[in-house]
């Protein structure tokens, strides 16, 4: 039972890190043009 006092705050911190990384990637433009990269790979000869 005492391990929950450690695991619950650690999991909350981990969720905040994941959400922060997702927010950073969205605002840096990582997901702006996802279709053209797939087409570029197929058309590359």
PDB file of N, CA and C in Angstrom:
ATOM      1  N   UNK A   1       0.819  -1.196   0.000  1.00  0.00           N
ATOM      2  CA  UNK A   1       0.000   0.000   0.000  1.00  0.00           C
ATOM      3  C   UNK A   1       0.860   1.256   0.000  1.00  0.00           C
ATOM      4  N   UNK A   2       1.999   1.191   0.678  1.00  0.00           N
ATOM      5  CA  UNK A   2       2.848   2.379   0.751  1.00  0.00           C
ATOM      6  C   UNK A   2       3.499   2.706  -0.584  1.00  0.00           C
ATOM      7  N   UNK A   3       3.640   1.712  -1.448  1.00  0.00           N
ATOM      8  CA  UNK A   3       4.244   1.963  -2.749  1.00  0.00           C
ATOM      9  C   UNK A   3       3.357   2.862  -3.604  1.00  0.00           C
ATOM     10  N   UNK A   4       2.059   2.868  -3.330  1.00  0.00           N
ATOM     11  CA  UNK A   4       1.150   3.729  -4.084  1.00  0.00           C
ATOM     12  C   UNK A   4       1.447   5.200  -3.849  1.00  0.00           C
ATOM     13  N   UNK A   5       1.952   5.529  -2.663  1.00  0.00           N
ATOM     14  CA  UNK A   5       2.324   6.921  -2.379  1.00  0.00           C
ATOM     15  C   UNK A   5       3.475   7.379  -3.258  1.00  0.00           C
ATOM     16  N   UNK A   6       4.221   6.460  -3.783  1.00  0.00           N
ATOM     17  CA  UNK A   6       5.303   6.780  -4.715  1.00  0.00           C
ATOM     18  C   UNK A   6       4.851   6.654  -6.165  1.00  0.00           C
ATOM     19  N   UNK A   7       4.111   5.614  -6.481  1.00  0.00           N
ATOM     20  CA  UNK A   7       3.763   5.333  -7.870  1.00  0.00           C
ATOM     21  C   UNK A   7       2.734   6.305  -8.442  1.00  0.00           C
ATOM     22  N   UNK A   8       1.779   6.723  -7.648  1.00  0.00           N
ATOM     23  CA  UNK A   8       0.752   7.633  -8.167  1.00  0.00           C
ATOM     24  C   UNK A   8       1.347   8.995  -8.526  1.00  0.00           C
ATOM     25  N   UNK A   9       2.143   9.642  -7.661  1.00  0.00           N
ATOM     26  CA  UNK A   9       2.756  10.913  -8.093  1.00  0.00           C
ATOM     27  C   UNK A   9       3.718  10.748  -9.279  1.00  0.00           C
ATOM     28  N   UNK A  10       4.446   9.641  -9.324  1.00  0.00           N
ATOM     29  CA  UNK A  10       5.344   9.426 -10.455  1.00  0.00           C
ATOM     30  C   UNK A  10       4.567   9.263 -11.756  1.00  0.00           C
ATOM     31  N   UNK A  11       3.440   8.595 -11.710  1.00  0.00           N
ATOM     32  CA  UNK A  11       2.648   8.429 -12.925  1.00  0.00           C
ATOM     33  C   UNK A  11       2.029   9.755 -13.359  1.00  0.00           C
ATOM     34  N   UNK A  12       1.655  10.593 -12.414  1.00  0.00           N
ATOM     35  CA  UNK A  12       1.115  11.915 -12.760  1.00  0.00           C
ATOM     36  C   UNK A  12       2.199  12.768 -13.404  1.00  0.00           C
ATOM     37  N   UNK A  13       3.408  12.718 -12.869  1.00  0.00           N
ATOM     38  CA  UNK A  13       4.522  13.464 -13.459  1.00  0.00           C
ATOM     39  C   UNK A  13       4.837  12.951 -14.853  1.00  0.00           C
ATOM     40  N   UNK A  14       4.791  11.649 -15.050  1.00  0.00           N
ATOM     41  CA  UNK A  14       5.041  11.065 -16.364  1.00  0.00           C
ATOM     42  C   UNK A  14       3.995  11.516 -17.377  1.00  0.00           C
ATOM     43  N   UNK A  15       2.737  11.576 -16.968  1.00  0.00           N
ATOM     44  CA  UNK A  15       1.676  12.049 -17.859  1.00  0.00           C
ATOM     45  C   UNK A  15       1.928  13.500 -18.250  1.00  0.00           C
ATOM     46  N   UNK A  16       2.357  14.329 -17.295  1.00  0.00           N
ATOM     47  CA  UNK A  16       2.653  15.725 -17.617  1.00  0.00           C
ATOM     48  C   UNK A  16       3.820  15.843 -18.591  1.00  0.00           C
ATOM     49  N   UNK A  17       4.835  15.002 -18.447  1.00  0.00           N
ATOM     50  CA  UNK A  17       5.955  15.012 -19.393  1.00  0.00           C
ATOM     51  C   UNK A  17       5.500  14.592 -20.785  1.00  0.00           C
ATOM     52  N   UNK A  18       4.655  13.591 -20.867  1.00  0.00           N
ATOM     53  CA  UNK A  18       4.163  13.132 -22.165  1.00  0.00           C
ATOM     54  C   UNK A  18       3.310  14.210 -22.821  1.00  0.00           C
ATOM     55  N   UNK A  19       2.417  14.827 -22.056  1.00  0.00           N
ATOM     56  CA  UNK A  19       1.584  15.890 -22.611  1.00  0.00           C
ATOM     57  C   UNK A  19       2.416  17.103 -23.005  1.00  0.00           C
ATOM     58  N   UNK A  20       3.439  17.409 -22.233  1.00  0.00           N
ATOM     59  CA  UNK A  20       4.340  18.510 -22.585  1.00  0.00           C
ATOM     60  C   UNK A  20       5.106  18.227 -23.871  1.00  0.00           C
ATOM     61  N   UNK A  21       5.555  17.004 -24.044  1.00  0.00           N
ATOM     62  CA  UNK A  21       6.253  16.637 -25.284  1.00  0.00           C
ATOM     63  C   UNK A  21       5.335  16.686 -26.484  1.00  0.00           C
ATOM     64  N   UNK A  22       4.095  16.244 -26.312  1.00  0.00           N
ATOM     65  CA  UNK A  22       3.126  16.317 -27.404  1.00  0.00           C
ATOM     66  C   UNK A  22       2.808  17.762 -27.758  1.00  0.00           C
ATOM     67  N   UNK A  23       2.617  18.591 -26.742  1.00  0.00           N
ATOM     68  CA  UNK A  23       2.349  20.014 -26.978  1.00  0.00           C
ATOM     69  C   UNK A  23       3.520  20.664 -27.708  1.00  0.00           C
ATOM     70  N   UNK A  24       4.750  20.329 -27.289  1.00  0.00           N
ATOM     71  CA  UNK A  24       5.932  20.902 -27.914  1.00  0.00           C
ATOM     72  C   UNK A  24       6.021  20.475 -29.387  1.00  0.00           C
ATOM     73  N   UNK A  25       5.746  19.202 -29.666  1.00  0.00           N
ATOM     74  CA  UNK A  25       5.828  18.704 -31.036  1.00  0.00           C
ATOM     75  C   UNK A  25       4.770  19.351 -31.919  1.00  0.00           C
ATOM     76  N   UNK A  26       3.575  19.546 -31.395  1.00  0.00           N
ATOM     77  CA  UNK A  26       2.517  20.180 -32.190  1.00  0.00           C
ATOM     78  C   UNK A  26       2.869  21.621 -32.497  1.00  0.00           C
ATOM     79  N   UNK A  27       3.373  22.345 -31.523  1.00  0.00           N
ATOM     80  CA  UNK A  27       3.685  23.756 -31.738  1.00  0.00           C
ATOM     81  C   UNK A  27       4.979  23.978 -32.511  1.00  0.00           C
ATOM     82  N   UNK A  28       5.808  22.970 -32.632  1.00  0.00           N
ATOM     83  CA  UNK A  28       7.014  23.073 -33.458  1.00  0.00           C
ATOM     84  C   UNK A  28       6.745  22.676 -34.902  1.00  0.00           C
ATOM     85  N   UNK A  29       5.511  22.227 -35.199  1.00  0.00           N
ATOM     86  CA  UNK A  29       5.151  21.916 -36.569  1.00  0.00           C
ATOM     87  C   UNK A  29       5.474  20.494 -36.997  1.00  0.00           C
ATOM     88  N   UNK A  30       5.604  19.583 -36.064  1.00  0.00           N
ATOM     89  CA  UNK A  30       5.944  18.206 -36.416  1.00  0.00           C
ATOM     90  C   UNK A  30       4.828  17.499 -37.169  1.00  0.00           C
ATOM     91  N   UNK A  31       3.589  17.935 -36.977  1.00  0.00           N
ATOM     92  CA  UNK A  31       2.452  17.244 -37.567  1.00  0.00           C
ATOM     93  C   UNK A  31       1.758  18.097 -38.630  1.00  0.00           C
ATOM     94  N   UNK A  32       2.457  19.041 -39.205  1.00  0.00           N
ATOM     95  CA  UNK A  32       1.841  19.942 -40.165  1.00  0.00           C
ATOM     96  C   UNK A  32       1.561  19.276 -41.508  1.00  0.00           C
ATOM     97  N   UNK A  33       2.514  18.550 -42.035  1.00  0.00           N
ATOM     98  CA  UNK A  33       2.383  18.004 -43.387  1.00  0.00           C
ATOM     99  C   UNK A  33       2.793  16.539 -43.376  1.00  0.00           C
ATOM    100  N   UNK A  34       1.933  15.694 -42.828  1.00  0.00           N
ATOM    101  CA  UNK A  34       2.314  14.289 -42.688  1.00  0.00           C
ATOM    102  C   UNK A  34       2.068  13.495 -43.965  1.00  0.00           C
ATOM    103  N   UNK A  35       1.227  13.981 -44.870  1.00  0.00           N
ATOM    104  CA  UNK A  35       0.946  13.239 -46.091  1.00  0.00           C
ATOM    105  C   UNK A  35       2.094  13.326 -47.097  1.00  0.00           C
ATOM    106  N   UNK A  36       2.755  14.466 -47.184  1.00  0.00           N
ATOM    107  CA  UNK A  36       3.781  14.630 -48.212  1.00  0.00           C
ATOM    108  C   UNK A  36       5.002  13.746 -47.957  1.00  0.00           C
ATOM    109  N   UNK A  37       5.305  13.445 -46.701  1.00  0.00           N
ATOM    110  CA  UNK A  37       6.458  12.581 -46.433  1.00  0.00           C
ATOM    111  C   UNK A  37       6.207  11.164 -46.934  1.00  0.00           C
ATOM    112  N   UNK A  38       4.999  10.658 -46.751  1.00  0.00           N
ATOM    113  CA  UNK A  38       4.682   9.336 -47.271  1.00  0.00           C
ATOM    114  C   UNK A  38       4.722   9.296 -48.790  1.00  0.00           C
ATOM    115  N   UNK A  39       4.249  10.347 -49.431  1.00  0.00           N
ATOM    116  CA  UNK A  39       4.288  10.416 -50.889  1.00  0.00           C
ATOM    117  C   UNK A  39       5.714  10.579 -51.392  1.00  0.00           C
ATOM    118  N   UNK A  40       6.546  11.303 -50.666  1.00  0.00           N
ATOM    119  CA  UNK A  40       7.919  11.517 -51.073  1.00  0.00           C
ATOM    120  C   UNK A  40       8.675  10.192 -51.057  1.00  0.00           C
ATOM    121  N   UNK A  41       8.414   9.352 -50.093  1.00  0.00           N
ATOM    122  CA  UNK A  41       9.089   8.059 -50.022  1.00  0.00           C
ATOM    123  C   UNK A  41       8.670   7.176 -51.199  1.00  0.00           C
ATOM    124  N   UNK A  42       7.386   7.213 -51.544  1.00  0.00           N
ATOM    125  CA  UNK A  42       6.905   6.378 -52.657  1.00  0.00           C
ATOM    126  C   UNK A  42       7.393   6.873 -53.999  1.00  0.00           C
ATOM    127  N   UNK A  43       7.538   8.168 -54.179  1.00  0.00           N
ATOM    128  CA  UNK A  43       7.953   8.723 -55.459  1.00  0.00           C
ATOM    129  C   UNK A  43       9.467   8.816 -55.618  1.00  0.00           C
ATOM    130  N   UNK A  44      10.214   8.557 -54.565  1.00  0.00           N
ATOM    131  CA  UNK A  44      11.664   8.649 -54.637  1.00  0.00           C
ATOM    132  C   UNK A  44      12.207   7.495 -55.481  1.00  0.00           C
ATOM    133  N   UNK A  45      12.926   7.827 -56.568  1.00  0.00           N
ATOM    134  CA  UNK A  45      13.497   6.782 -57.427  1.00  0.00           C
ATOM    135  C   UNK A  45      14.979   6.955 -57.594  1.00  0.00           C
TER     136      UNK A  45
END
